């Protein structure tokens, strides 16, 4: 009696760590099953639009997403730049970038950073 007990204490690595959800399955740079490792950035071709790429960036939120979107839209070669947070518990943003055929989305993101 008189002691404060902590139940269900959550460790910071459990809350914000990269787990099996951040496994890179089928992204552009790690397409083979033996390469299915945990990475912070996953890159996928956008199936819906030409010259478009989707970046899944783990452990980031609206701060980085909005900053990248604004910088990408300043580039005259970028046709579309947008991001979304699929679920607030995943701590991940999906950045979608589409460029003109003369440029590449990877080059536009490098310039924005």
N, C-alpha and C. Protein backbone atom coordinates (compact mmCIF):
# COMPACT_ATOMS: atom_id res chain seq x y z
N UNK A 1 0.84 -1.18 0.00
CA UNK A 1 0.00 0.00 0.00
C UNK A 1 0.89 1.24 0.00
N UNK A 2 0.41 2.27 -0.65
CA UNK A 2 1.16 3.51 -0.69
C UNK A 2 2.18 3.55 -1.82
N UNK A 3 2.32 2.48 -2.55
CA UNK A 3 3.28 2.47 -3.65
C UNK A 3 2.56 2.67 -4.98
N UNK A 4 3.19 3.43 -5.83
CA UNK A 4 2.63 3.66 -7.16
C UNK A 4 3.20 2.60 -8.10
N UNK A 5 2.34 1.86 -8.71
CA UNK A 5 2.78 0.82 -9.63
C UNK A 5 2.42 1.22 -11.06
N UNK A 6 3.34 0.96 -11.95
CA UNK A 6 3.12 1.30 -13.36
C UNK A 6 2.73 0.03 -14.12
N UNK A 7 1.51 -0.01 -14.60
CA UNK A 7 1.05 -1.13 -15.41
C UNK A 7 1.05 -0.71 -16.88
N UNK A 8 1.28 -1.67 -17.75
CA UNK A 8 1.26 -1.44 -19.19
C UNK A 8 2.20 -0.32 -19.62
N UNK A 9 3.35 -0.28 -19.01
CA UNK A 9 4.34 0.72 -19.38
C UNK A 9 4.85 0.41 -20.79
N UNK A 10 4.77 1.39 -21.69
CA UNK A 10 5.18 1.20 -23.07
C UNK A 10 6.57 1.80 -23.25
N UNK A 11 7.46 1.01 -23.80
CA UNK A 11 8.81 1.47 -24.09
C UNK A 11 8.79 2.33 -25.34
N UNK A 12 9.68 3.32 -25.42
CA UNK A 12 9.73 4.21 -26.57
C UNK A 12 10.03 3.46 -27.86
N UNK A 13 10.83 2.40 -27.78
CA UNK A 13 11.13 1.63 -28.99
C UNK A 13 9.89 0.89 -29.49
N UNK A 14 8.98 0.54 -28.60
CA UNK A 14 7.74 -0.10 -29.01
C UNK A 14 6.81 0.90 -29.69
N UNK A 15 6.81 2.13 -29.19
CA UNK A 15 5.92 3.14 -29.75
C UNK A 15 6.41 3.65 -31.10
N UNK A 16 7.70 3.97 -31.20
CA UNK A 16 8.19 4.65 -32.38
C UNK A 16 9.23 3.87 -33.15
N UNK A 17 9.47 2.64 -32.78
CA UNK A 17 10.48 1.84 -33.47
C UNK A 17 9.97 1.29 -34.78
N UNK A 18 10.90 0.88 -35.62
CA UNK A 18 10.54 0.25 -36.88
C UNK A 18 10.36 -1.24 -36.63
N UNK A 19 9.23 -1.77 -37.02
CA UNK A 19 8.97 -3.18 -36.83
C UNK A 19 8.66 -3.84 -38.17
N UNK A 20 7.97 -4.96 -38.16
CA UNK A 20 7.69 -5.70 -39.38
C UNK A 20 6.91 -4.89 -40.41
N UNK A 21 6.16 -3.86 -39.98
CA UNK A 21 5.41 -3.05 -40.93
C UNK A 21 6.32 -2.25 -41.85
N UNK A 22 7.56 -1.97 -41.42
CA UNK A 22 8.50 -1.19 -42.22
C UNK A 22 9.39 -2.08 -43.08
N UNK A 23 9.02 -3.33 -43.22
CA UNK A 23 9.79 -4.24 -44.06
C UNK A 23 9.57 -3.87 -45.53
N UNK A 24 10.64 -3.79 -46.26
CA UNK A 24 10.60 -3.36 -47.67
C UNK A 24 10.25 -4.57 -48.54
N UNK A 25 8.99 -4.70 -48.91
CA UNK A 25 8.56 -5.84 -49.73
C UNK A 25 8.22 -5.35 -51.13
N UNK A 26 9.12 -5.60 -52.06
CA UNK A 26 8.84 -5.28 -53.45
C UNK A 26 9.09 -3.84 -53.85
N UNK A 27 9.84 -3.08 -53.07
CA UNK A 27 10.12 -1.72 -53.50
C UNK A 27 11.22 -1.72 -54.55
N UNK A 28 11.47 -0.58 -55.15
CA UNK A 28 12.37 -0.51 -56.31
C UNK A 28 13.80 -0.91 -56.00
N UNK A 29 14.30 -0.55 -54.84
CA UNK A 29 15.70 -0.79 -54.54
C UNK A 29 15.96 -2.13 -53.87
N UNK A 30 14.93 -2.80 -53.39
CA UNK A 30 15.08 -4.09 -52.70
C UNK A 30 13.97 -5.05 -53.16
N UNK A 31 14.00 -5.47 -54.44
CA UNK A 31 12.89 -6.28 -54.96
C UNK A 31 12.94 -7.76 -54.59
N UNK A 32 14.07 -8.27 -54.17
CA UNK A 32 14.19 -9.70 -53.90
C UNK A 32 13.76 -10.04 -52.47
N UNK A 33 13.18 -11.23 -52.27
CA UNK A 33 12.73 -11.59 -50.92
C UNK A 33 13.83 -11.59 -49.87
N UNK A 34 15.06 -11.92 -50.25
CA UNK A 34 16.13 -11.92 -49.25
C UNK A 34 16.52 -10.49 -48.83
N UNK A 35 16.07 -9.51 -49.61
CA UNK A 35 16.33 -8.12 -49.28
C UNK A 35 15.21 -7.48 -48.47
N UNK A 36 14.23 -8.26 -48.03
CA UNK A 36 13.09 -7.72 -47.30
C UNK A 36 13.55 -7.32 -45.89
N UNK A 37 14.28 -6.24 -45.82
CA UNK A 37 14.78 -5.74 -44.56
C UNK A 37 13.98 -4.52 -44.14
N UNK A 38 14.21 -4.08 -42.95
CA UNK A 38 13.52 -2.90 -42.44
C UNK A 38 14.30 -1.67 -42.87
N UNK A 39 13.60 -0.77 -43.59
CA UNK A 39 14.19 0.47 -44.07
C UNK A 39 13.25 1.63 -43.72
N UNK A 40 13.81 2.82 -43.57
CA UNK A 40 12.98 3.99 -43.27
C UNK A 40 12.29 4.53 -44.50
N UNK A 41 12.89 4.37 -45.68
CA UNK A 41 12.30 4.90 -46.90
C UNK A 41 12.11 3.76 -47.90
N UNK A 42 10.88 3.60 -48.38
CA UNK A 42 10.56 2.62 -49.41
C UNK A 42 10.13 3.39 -50.65
N UNK A 43 10.56 2.93 -51.82
CA UNK A 43 10.24 3.61 -53.08
C UNK A 43 9.50 2.64 -53.99
N UNK A 44 8.32 3.07 -54.46
CA UNK A 44 7.50 2.24 -55.35
C UNK A 44 7.11 3.05 -56.58
N UNK A 45 7.02 2.38 -57.73
CA UNK A 45 6.45 3.03 -58.91
C UNK A 45 4.96 3.21 -58.70
N UNK A 46 4.46 4.37 -59.10
CA UNK A 46 3.02 4.60 -59.03
C UNK A 46 2.38 3.96 -60.26
N UNK A 47 1.48 3.04 -60.04
CA UNK A 47 0.84 2.31 -61.13
C UNK A 47 -0.15 3.17 -61.89
N UNK A 48 -0.64 4.24 -61.28
CA UNK A 48 -1.72 5.02 -61.87
C UNK A 48 -1.25 6.11 -62.82
N UNK A 49 0.01 6.54 -62.71
CA UNK A 49 0.47 7.68 -63.50
C UNK A 49 1.88 7.42 -64.02
N UNK A 50 2.19 7.92 -65.22
CA UNK A 50 3.56 7.77 -65.73
C UNK A 50 4.50 8.74 -65.04
N UNK A 51 5.77 8.39 -64.97
CA UNK A 51 6.80 9.22 -64.35
C UNK A 51 6.42 9.63 -62.93
N UNK A 52 5.86 8.69 -62.19
CA UNK A 52 5.44 8.96 -60.81
C UNK A 52 5.98 7.90 -59.87
N UNK A 53 6.30 8.32 -58.67
CA UNK A 53 6.86 7.43 -57.66
C UNK A 53 6.17 7.72 -56.33
N UNK A 54 6.01 6.68 -55.52
CA UNK A 54 5.47 6.83 -54.17
C UNK A 54 6.57 6.48 -53.18
N UNK A 55 6.85 7.39 -52.27
CA UNK A 55 7.82 7.17 -51.21
C UNK A 55 7.06 6.91 -49.91
N UNK A 56 7.32 5.79 -49.28
CA UNK A 56 6.80 5.52 -47.94
C UNK A 56 7.93 5.83 -46.97
N UNK A 57 7.74 6.86 -46.16
CA UNK A 57 8.79 7.32 -45.26
C UNK A 57 8.33 7.06 -43.83
N UNK A 58 9.02 6.17 -43.14
CA UNK A 58 8.65 5.77 -41.78
C UNK A 58 9.25 6.73 -40.76
N UNK A 59 8.59 6.83 -39.63
CA UNK A 59 8.98 7.66 -38.49
C UNK A 59 8.97 9.15 -38.84
N UNK A 60 8.09 9.55 -39.73
CA UNK A 60 7.91 10.96 -40.07
C UNK A 60 6.42 11.29 -40.05
N UNK A 61 6.12 12.59 -40.01
CA UNK A 61 4.73 13.01 -39.93
C UNK A 61 4.49 14.22 -40.83
N UNK A 62 3.46 15.02 -40.52
CA UNK A 62 3.07 16.14 -41.35
C UNK A 62 4.18 17.18 -41.50
N UNK A 63 5.07 17.29 -40.54
CA UNK A 63 6.13 18.29 -40.61
C UNK A 63 6.99 18.08 -41.85
N UNK A 64 7.52 16.89 -42.03
CA UNK A 64 8.35 16.61 -43.20
C UNK A 64 7.50 16.53 -44.47
N UNK A 65 6.32 15.94 -44.38
CA UNK A 65 5.47 15.79 -45.56
C UNK A 65 5.09 17.11 -46.18
N UNK A 66 4.66 18.07 -45.36
CA UNK A 66 4.25 19.37 -45.88
C UNK A 66 5.45 20.14 -46.41
N UNK A 67 6.59 20.05 -45.74
CA UNK A 67 7.79 20.74 -46.20
C UNK A 67 8.24 20.21 -47.57
N UNK A 68 8.28 18.89 -47.73
CA UNK A 68 8.67 18.31 -49.01
C UNK A 68 7.68 18.66 -50.11
N UNK A 69 6.41 18.61 -49.79
CA UNK A 69 5.38 18.95 -50.78
C UNK A 69 5.55 20.38 -51.28
N UNK A 70 5.75 21.31 -50.36
CA UNK A 70 5.90 22.72 -50.75
C UNK A 70 7.16 22.94 -51.60
N UNK A 71 8.26 22.31 -51.22
CA UNK A 71 9.51 22.47 -51.99
C UNK A 71 9.40 21.80 -53.36
N UNK A 72 8.73 20.66 -53.42
CA UNK A 72 8.57 19.98 -54.71
C UNK A 72 7.71 20.80 -55.66
N UNK A 73 6.68 21.46 -55.15
CA UNK A 73 5.80 22.24 -56.01
C UNK A 73 6.47 23.50 -56.54
N UNK A 74 7.58 23.91 -55.97
CA UNK A 74 8.34 25.04 -56.50
C UNK A 74 9.13 24.67 -57.75
N UNK A 75 9.34 23.38 -57.96
CA UNK A 75 10.09 22.88 -59.11
C UNK A 75 9.16 22.87 -60.33
N UNK A 76 9.60 23.50 -61.44
CA UNK A 76 8.75 23.59 -62.64
C UNK A 76 8.57 22.25 -63.34
N UNK A 77 9.41 21.27 -63.05
CA UNK A 77 9.29 19.95 -63.67
C UNK A 77 8.34 19.03 -62.93
N UNK A 78 7.86 19.43 -61.77
CA UNK A 78 6.97 18.59 -60.97
C UNK A 78 5.52 18.88 -61.34
N UNK A 79 4.81 17.85 -61.79
CA UNK A 79 3.40 17.99 -62.12
C UNK A 79 2.51 17.82 -60.90
N UNK A 80 2.87 16.90 -60.01
CA UNK A 80 2.06 16.64 -58.82
C UNK A 80 2.98 16.28 -57.67
N UNK A 81 2.68 16.82 -56.52
CA UNK A 81 3.37 16.44 -55.28
C UNK A 81 2.34 16.50 -54.15
N UNK A 82 2.21 15.41 -53.46
CA UNK A 82 1.27 15.36 -52.34
C UNK A 82 1.69 14.26 -51.38
N UNK A 83 1.15 14.35 -50.17
CA UNK A 83 1.46 13.33 -49.18
C UNK A 83 0.21 13.02 -48.39
N UNK A 84 0.24 11.88 -47.73
CA UNK A 84 -0.84 11.52 -46.81
C UNK A 84 -0.27 10.71 -45.68
N UNK A 85 -0.99 10.71 -44.58
CA UNK A 85 -0.66 9.87 -43.43
C UNK A 85 -1.73 8.78 -43.41
N UNK A 86 -1.40 7.56 -43.87
CA UNK A 86 -2.42 6.52 -43.97
C UNK A 86 -3.11 6.18 -42.66
N UNK A 87 -2.35 6.14 -41.58
CA UNK A 87 -2.92 5.86 -40.26
C UNK A 87 -2.03 6.49 -39.21
N UNK A 88 -2.61 7.20 -38.24
CA UNK A 88 -1.76 7.90 -37.26
C UNK A 88 -0.92 6.98 -36.37
N UNK A 89 -1.29 5.73 -36.23
CA UNK A 89 -0.53 4.82 -35.38
C UNK A 89 0.70 4.25 -36.08
N UNK A 90 0.81 4.39 -37.40
CA UNK A 90 1.93 3.83 -38.13
C UNK A 90 3.15 4.73 -38.16
N UNK A 91 3.01 6.02 -37.88
CA UNK A 91 4.13 6.97 -37.92
C UNK A 91 4.83 6.90 -39.28
N UNK A 92 4.04 7.07 -40.34
CA UNK A 92 4.56 6.95 -41.70
C UNK A 92 3.79 7.91 -42.59
N UNK A 93 4.50 8.48 -43.58
CA UNK A 93 3.84 9.28 -44.60
C UNK A 93 4.09 8.64 -45.95
N UNK A 94 3.17 8.85 -46.87
CA UNK A 94 3.33 8.42 -48.25
C UNK A 94 3.41 9.68 -49.11
N UNK A 95 4.55 9.89 -49.73
CA UNK A 95 4.78 11.05 -50.58
C UNK A 95 4.69 10.59 -52.03
N UNK A 96 3.80 11.23 -52.79
CA UNK A 96 3.60 10.88 -54.20
C UNK A 96 4.12 12.03 -55.05
N UNK A 97 5.00 11.71 -56.00
CA UNK A 97 5.63 12.73 -56.84
C UNK A 97 5.51 12.30 -58.30
N UNK A 98 5.01 13.22 -59.15
CA UNK A 98 4.94 12.98 -60.59
C UNK A 98 5.64 14.14 -61.29
N UNK A 99 6.48 13.81 -62.25
CA UNK A 99 7.25 14.84 -62.95
C UNK A 99 7.01 14.76 -64.46
N UNK A 100 7.53 15.75 -65.16
CA UNK A 100 7.53 15.71 -66.61
C UNK A 100 8.46 14.60 -67.08
N UNK A 101 8.27 14.07 -68.30
CA UNK A 101 9.13 12.98 -68.77
C UNK A 101 10.61 13.35 -68.86
N UNK A 102 10.93 14.63 -69.02
CA UNK A 102 12.34 15.03 -69.13
C UNK A 102 13.07 14.98 -67.79
N UNK A 103 12.34 14.86 -66.71
CA UNK A 103 12.93 14.81 -65.38
C UNK A 103 12.52 13.51 -64.70
N UNK A 104 13.06 13.26 -63.52
CA UNK A 104 12.67 12.07 -62.76
C UNK A 104 12.22 12.48 -61.37
N UNK A 105 11.31 11.72 -60.78
CA UNK A 105 10.88 12.03 -59.42
C UNK A 105 12.02 11.97 -58.41
N UNK A 106 12.97 11.05 -58.61
CA UNK A 106 14.09 10.94 -57.69
C UNK A 106 14.93 12.21 -57.71
N UNK A 107 15.13 12.76 -58.91
CA UNK A 107 15.91 14.00 -59.04
C UNK A 107 15.17 15.17 -58.38
N UNK A 108 13.86 15.22 -58.54
CA UNK A 108 13.06 16.30 -57.94
C UNK A 108 13.11 16.23 -56.41
N UNK A 109 13.04 15.04 -55.87
CA UNK A 109 13.10 14.90 -54.40
C UNK A 109 14.47 15.28 -53.88
N UNK A 110 15.52 14.90 -54.60
CA UNK A 110 16.87 15.29 -54.18
C UNK A 110 17.04 16.80 -54.18
N UNK A 111 16.46 17.48 -55.17
CA UNK A 111 16.54 18.93 -55.20
C UNK A 111 15.72 19.57 -54.06
N UNK A 112 14.61 18.93 -53.73
CA UNK A 112 13.75 19.47 -52.67
C UNK A 112 14.40 19.33 -51.30
N UNK A 113 15.17 18.27 -51.12
CA UNK A 113 15.81 18.06 -49.83
C UNK A 113 16.99 19.01 -49.72
